[in-house]
Amino acid sequence: MNNLWQGNLATRLRIGSGLILFAYAFFHFINIGLGLVSPTWMDAFQDSRSWITRSTIGSVVLYAAFGIHAALAFVKPGAVVARCVCLFGRPFKSSWG
């Protein structure tokens, strides 16, 4: 667990904000899955989820995590473009011959 928090401040902020956003998305998808099983369960889970995310502290934490994560994604835009070209450019180049 100590290896997770190694790195500079930007890395730790990126990991922390990413984990918060991941937890939000995870429980959102769990809520959708519960709706497939029982609408009553979905409503009950949504009430408890909304109690956390719609509170003042929950909203501030969620929006701060989103803002920090988005801002850190654009710190080095050249690196992001290079990663996209490396990931998505190769299949298109090989298919065009």
N, C-alpha and C. Protein backbone atom coordinates (compact mmCIF):
# COMPACT_ATOMS: atom_id res chain seq x y z
N MET A 1 0.82 -1.19 0.00
CA MET A 1 0.00 0.00 0.00
C MET A 1 0.86 1.26 0.00
N ASN A 2 2.07 1.16 0.54
CA ASN A 2 2.94 2.33 0.56
C ASN A 2 3.38 2.74 -0.84
N ASN A 3 3.47 1.78 -1.76
CA ASN A 3 3.89 2.10 -3.12
C ASN A 3 2.86 2.96 -3.85
N LEU A 4 1.59 2.87 -3.43
CA LEU A 4 0.54 3.63 -4.09
C LEU A 4 0.74 5.13 -3.92
N TRP A 5 1.24 5.55 -2.78
CA TRP A 5 1.34 6.98 -2.49
C TRP A 5 2.73 7.54 -2.72
N GLN A 6 3.58 6.82 -3.43
CA GLN A 6 4.90 7.36 -3.74
C GLN A 6 4.79 8.30 -4.93
N GLY A 7 5.70 9.21 -5.01
CA GLY A 7 5.71 10.16 -6.12
C GLY A 7 5.55 11.58 -5.60
N ASN A 8 5.51 12.50 -6.53
CA ASN A 8 5.39 13.90 -6.14
C ASN A 8 3.93 14.24 -5.83
N LEU A 9 3.68 15.49 -5.51
CA LEU A 9 2.34 15.91 -5.12
C LEU A 9 1.33 15.72 -6.24
N ALA A 10 1.73 16.01 -7.47
CA ALA A 10 0.80 15.85 -8.59
C ALA A 10 0.38 14.39 -8.76
N THR A 11 1.31 13.48 -8.59
CA THR A 11 0.98 12.07 -8.71
C THR A 11 0.03 11.63 -7.62
N ARG A 12 0.29 12.07 -6.41
CA ARG A 12 -0.59 11.68 -5.30
C ARG A 12 -1.97 12.30 -5.45
N LEU A 13 -2.05 13.54 -5.94
CA LEU A 13 -3.34 14.16 -6.17
C LEU A 13 -4.10 13.44 -7.28
N ARG A 14 -3.39 13.04 -8.32
CA ARG A 14 -4.02 12.32 -9.42
C ARG A 14 -4.57 10.98 -8.94
N ILE A 15 -3.82 10.27 -8.13
CA ILE A 15 -4.28 8.98 -7.61
C ILE A 15 -5.47 9.17 -6.68
N GLY A 16 -5.37 10.13 -5.77
CA GLY A 16 -6.47 10.36 -4.82
C GLY A 16 -7.75 10.79 -5.51
N SER A 17 -7.64 11.74 -6.43
CA SER A 17 -8.84 12.20 -7.13
C SER A 17 -9.39 11.10 -8.03
N GLY A 18 -8.51 10.32 -8.63
CA GLY A 18 -8.97 9.21 -9.46
C GLY A 18 -9.72 8.16 -8.65
N LEU A 19 -9.24 7.88 -7.45
CA LEU A 19 -9.93 6.91 -6.59
C LEU A 19 -11.31 7.41 -6.17
N ILE A 20 -11.43 8.71 -5.90
CA ILE A 20 -12.73 9.28 -5.54
C ILE A 20 -13.69 9.18 -6.72
N LEU A 21 -13.22 9.53 -7.91
CA LEU A 21 -14.07 9.45 -9.09
C LEU A 21 -14.42 8.00 -9.42
N PHE A 22 -13.47 7.09 -9.22
CA PHE A 22 -13.75 5.68 -9.45
C PHE A 22 -14.83 5.17 -8.49
N ALA A 23 -14.75 5.56 -7.23
CA ALA A 23 -15.75 5.13 -6.25
C ALA A 23 -17.13 5.67 -6.62
N TYR A 24 -17.18 6.92 -7.08
CA TYR A 24 -18.46 7.50 -7.49
C TYR A 24 -19.05 6.72 -8.66
N ALA A 25 -18.24 6.46 -9.68
CA ALA A 25 -18.73 5.72 -10.85
C ALA A 25 -19.10 4.29 -10.49
N PHE A 26 -18.32 3.66 -9.62
CA PHE A 26 -18.59 2.28 -9.21
C PHE A 26 -19.95 2.17 -8.54
N PHE A 27 -20.22 3.05 -7.58
CA PHE A 27 -21.50 2.98 -6.88
C PHE A 27 -22.65 3.42 -7.78
N HIS A 28 -22.38 4.26 -8.77
CA HIS A 28 -23.41 4.61 -9.75
C HIS A 28 -23.80 3.37 -10.56
N PHE A 29 -22.81 2.61 -11.00
CA PHE A 29 -23.11 1.41 -11.78
C PHE A 29 -23.74 0.32 -10.92
N ILE A 30 -23.36 0.23 -9.66
CA ILE A 30 -24.02 -0.70 -8.74
C ILE A 30 -25.49 -0.34 -8.63
N ASN A 31 -25.78 0.96 -8.54
CA ASN A 31 -27.16 1.42 -8.45
C ASN A 31 -27.95 1.02 -9.70
N ILE A 32 -27.34 1.16 -10.87
CA ILE A 32 -28.02 0.75 -12.11
C ILE A 32 -28.26 -0.76 -12.10
N GLY A 33 -27.29 -1.52 -11.64
CA GLY A 33 -27.45 -2.97 -11.56
C GLY A 33 -28.55 -3.37 -10.60
N LEU A 34 -28.68 -2.66 -9.50
CA LEU A 34 -29.76 -2.95 -8.57
C LEU A 34 -31.11 -2.66 -9.19
N GLY A 35 -31.16 -1.68 -10.09
CA GLY A 35 -32.41 -1.39 -10.79
C GLY A 35 -32.84 -2.53 -11.69
N LEU A 36 -31.89 -3.31 -12.18
CA LEU A 36 -32.24 -4.48 -12.97
C LEU A 36 -32.82 -5.60 -12.12
N VAL A 37 -32.43 -5.64 -10.84
CA VAL A 37 -32.92 -6.66 -9.94
C VAL A 37 -34.24 -6.24 -9.32
N SER A 38 -34.27 -5.03 -8.74
CA SER A 38 -35.47 -4.57 -8.05
C SER A 38 -35.47 -3.05 -8.00
N PRO A 39 -36.51 -2.41 -8.52
CA PRO A 39 -36.59 -0.95 -8.44
C PRO A 39 -36.62 -0.43 -7.00
N THR A 40 -37.15 -1.22 -6.09
CA THR A 40 -37.18 -0.83 -4.69
C THR A 40 -35.76 -0.75 -4.13
N TRP A 41 -34.94 -1.76 -4.45
CA TRP A 41 -33.55 -1.75 -4.00
C TRP A 41 -32.80 -0.57 -4.61
N MET A 42 -33.08 -0.30 -5.89
CA MET A 42 -32.41 0.82 -6.56
C MET A 42 -32.77 2.14 -5.88
N ASP A 43 -34.04 2.34 -5.56
CA ASP A 43 -34.46 3.58 -4.91
C ASP A 43 -33.83 3.72 -3.53
N ALA A 44 -33.76 2.61 -2.79
CA ALA A 44 -33.16 2.66 -1.45
C ALA A 44 -31.67 2.98 -1.54
N PHE A 45 -30.98 2.36 -2.48
CA PHE A 45 -29.55 2.61 -2.64
C PHE A 45 -29.30 4.02 -3.14
N GLN A 46 -30.17 4.50 -4.05
CA GLN A 46 -30.02 5.86 -4.56
C GLN A 46 -30.22 6.89 -3.44
N ASP A 47 -31.14 6.63 -2.54
CA ASP A 47 -31.34 7.54 -1.41
C ASP A 47 -30.10 7.62 -0.53
N SER A 48 -29.49 6.47 -0.26
CA SER A 48 -28.29 6.49 0.57
C SER A 48 -27.11 7.09 -0.18
N ARG A 49 -27.01 6.83 -1.48
CA ARG A 49 -25.93 7.40 -2.29
C ARG A 49 -26.09 8.91 -2.42
N SER A 50 -27.31 9.35 -2.61
CA SER A 50 -27.57 10.79 -2.73
C SER A 50 -27.32 11.51 -1.42
N TRP A 51 -27.55 10.84 -0.32
CA TRP A 51 -27.31 11.45 0.98
C TRP A 51 -25.84 11.83 1.14
N ILE A 52 -24.96 11.04 0.53
CA ILE A 52 -23.52 11.33 0.60
C ILE A 52 -23.12 12.34 -0.47
N THR A 53 -23.51 12.09 -1.71
CA THR A 53 -23.01 12.92 -2.81
C THR A 53 -23.71 14.26 -2.92
N ARG A 54 -24.92 14.38 -2.41
CA ARG A 54 -25.65 15.65 -2.52
C ARG A 54 -25.46 16.53 -1.29
N SER A 55 -24.73 16.04 -0.29
CA SER A 55 -24.43 16.89 0.86
C SER A 55 -23.39 17.93 0.45
N THR A 56 -23.25 18.95 1.24
CA THR A 56 -22.30 20.01 0.90
C THR A 56 -20.88 19.47 0.85
N ILE A 57 -20.50 18.72 1.84
CA ILE A 57 -19.13 18.17 1.88
C ILE A 57 -18.92 17.18 0.74
N GLY A 58 -19.89 16.31 0.50
CA GLY A 58 -19.76 15.34 -0.58
C GLY A 58 -19.66 16.00 -1.94
N SER A 59 -20.45 17.05 -2.15
CA SER A 59 -20.39 17.77 -3.43
C SER A 59 -19.06 18.46 -3.61
N VAL A 60 -18.56 19.09 -2.55
CA VAL A 60 -17.27 19.78 -2.64
C VAL A 60 -16.15 18.78 -2.94
N VAL A 61 -16.16 17.64 -2.27
CA VAL A 61 -15.12 16.63 -2.49
C VAL A 61 -15.21 16.09 -3.91
N LEU A 62 -16.42 15.81 -4.39
CA LEU A 62 -16.60 15.25 -5.72
C LEU A 62 -16.19 16.24 -6.81
N TYR A 63 -16.63 17.50 -6.70
CA TYR A 63 -16.26 18.49 -7.71
C TYR A 63 -14.77 18.84 -7.64
N ALA A 64 -14.21 18.85 -6.44
CA ALA A 64 -12.77 19.11 -6.32
C ALA A 64 -11.97 17.98 -6.97
N ALA A 65 -12.40 16.74 -6.74
CA ALA A 65 -11.71 15.61 -7.35
C ALA A 65 -11.80 15.67 -8.87
N PHE A 66 -12.97 16.04 -9.38
CA PHE A 66 -13.12 16.17 -10.83
C PHE A 66 -12.24 17.28 -11.38
N GLY A 67 -12.24 18.42 -10.71
CA GLY A 67 -11.43 19.55 -11.17
C GLY A 67 -9.94 19.26 -11.12
N ILE A 68 -9.50 18.66 -10.03
CA ILE A 68 -8.08 18.33 -9.89
C ILE A 68 -7.66 17.30 -10.95
N HIS A 69 -8.49 16.28 -11.12
CA HIS A 69 -8.14 15.23 -12.07
C HIS A 69 -8.12 15.79 -13.50
N ALA A 70 -9.07 16.63 -13.83
CA ALA A 70 -9.10 17.21 -15.18
C ALA A 70 -7.93 18.17 -15.38
N ALA A 71 -7.63 18.97 -14.37
CA ALA A 71 -6.53 19.93 -14.49
C ALA A 71 -5.20 19.21 -14.64
N LEU A 72 -5.01 18.14 -13.90
CA LEU A 72 -3.75 17.40 -14.00
C LEU A 72 -3.63 16.66 -15.33
N ALA A 73 -4.76 16.38 -15.97
CA ALA A 73 -4.70 15.73 -17.28
C ALA A 73 -4.16 16.67 -18.34
N PHE A 74 -4.32 17.98 -18.14
CA PHE A 74 -3.90 18.96 -19.13
C PHE A 74 -2.59 19.65 -18.77
N VAL A 75 -1.91 19.18 -17.72
CA VAL A 75 -0.64 19.80 -17.35
C VAL A 75 0.39 19.59 -18.45
N LYS A 76 0.43 18.40 -18.99
CA LYS A 76 1.36 18.08 -20.08
C LYS A 76 0.55 17.61 -21.28
N PRO A 77 -0.07 18.54 -22.01
CA PRO A 77 -0.93 18.10 -23.12
C PRO A 77 -0.16 17.38 -24.22
N GLY A 78 1.11 17.68 -24.41
CA GLY A 78 1.90 16.97 -25.41
C GLY A 78 2.02 15.50 -25.10
N ALA A 79 2.16 15.18 -23.82
CA ALA A 79 2.26 13.79 -23.40
C ALA A 79 0.94 13.06 -23.64
N VAL A 80 -0.17 13.75 -23.42
CA VAL A 80 -1.47 13.13 -23.64
C VAL A 80 -1.68 12.85 -25.12
N VAL A 81 -1.32 13.80 -25.96
CA VAL A 81 -1.45 13.60 -27.41
C VAL A 81 -0.54 12.47 -27.87
N ALA A 82 0.66 12.43 -27.35
CA ALA A 82 1.60 11.38 -27.74
C ALA A 82 1.06 10.01 -27.34
N ARG A 83 0.47 9.91 -26.13
CA ARG A 83 -0.10 8.64 -25.70
C ARG A 83 -1.25 8.22 -26.61
N CYS A 84 -2.11 9.16 -26.98
CA CYS A 84 -3.24 8.85 -27.85
C CYS A 84 -2.78 8.39 -29.22
N VAL A 85 -1.76 9.04 -29.75
CA VAL A 85 -1.24 8.66 -31.06
C VAL A 85 -0.63 7.27 -30.99
N CYS A 86 0.10 6.99 -29.92
CA CYS A 86 0.72 5.67 -29.79
C CYS A 86 -0.32 4.57 -29.60
N LEU A 87 -1.37 4.86 -28.83
CA LEU A 87 -2.39 3.85 -28.57
C LEU A 87 -3.33 3.66 -29.76
N PHE A 88 -3.78 4.76 -30.34
CA PHE A 88 -4.81 4.66 -31.37
C PHE A 88 -4.27 4.81 -32.78
N GLY A 89 -3.08 5.32 -32.94
CA GLY A 89 -2.53 5.55 -34.27
C GLY A 89 -2.05 4.29 -34.95
N ARG A 90 -1.52 3.36 -34.21
CA ARG A 90 -0.94 2.16 -34.82
C ARG A 90 -1.97 1.29 -35.54
N PRO A 91 -3.13 0.99 -34.94
CA PRO A 91 -4.07 0.15 -35.69
C PRO A 91 -4.54 0.79 -36.99
N PHE A 92 -4.71 2.10 -36.99
CA PHE A 92 -5.17 2.76 -38.20
C PHE A 92 -4.07 2.78 -39.26
N LYS A 93 -2.83 2.96 -38.85
CA LYS A 93 -1.74 2.98 -39.82
C LYS A 93 -1.57 1.60 -40.45
N SER A 94 -1.67 0.54 -39.65
CA SER A 94 -1.46 -0.79 -40.20
C SER A 94 -2.63 -1.20 -41.10
N SER A 95 -3.83 -0.72 -40.81
CA SER A 95 -4.96 -1.10 -41.64
C SER A 95 -4.99 -0.35 -42.96
N TRP A 96 -4.38 0.84 -43.00
CA TRP A 96 -4.36 1.62 -44.25
C TRP A 96 -3.20 1.21 -45.15
N GLY A 97 -2.28 0.41 -44.59
CA GLY A 97 -1.21 -0.13 -45.39
C GLY A 97 -0.15 0.84 -45.67
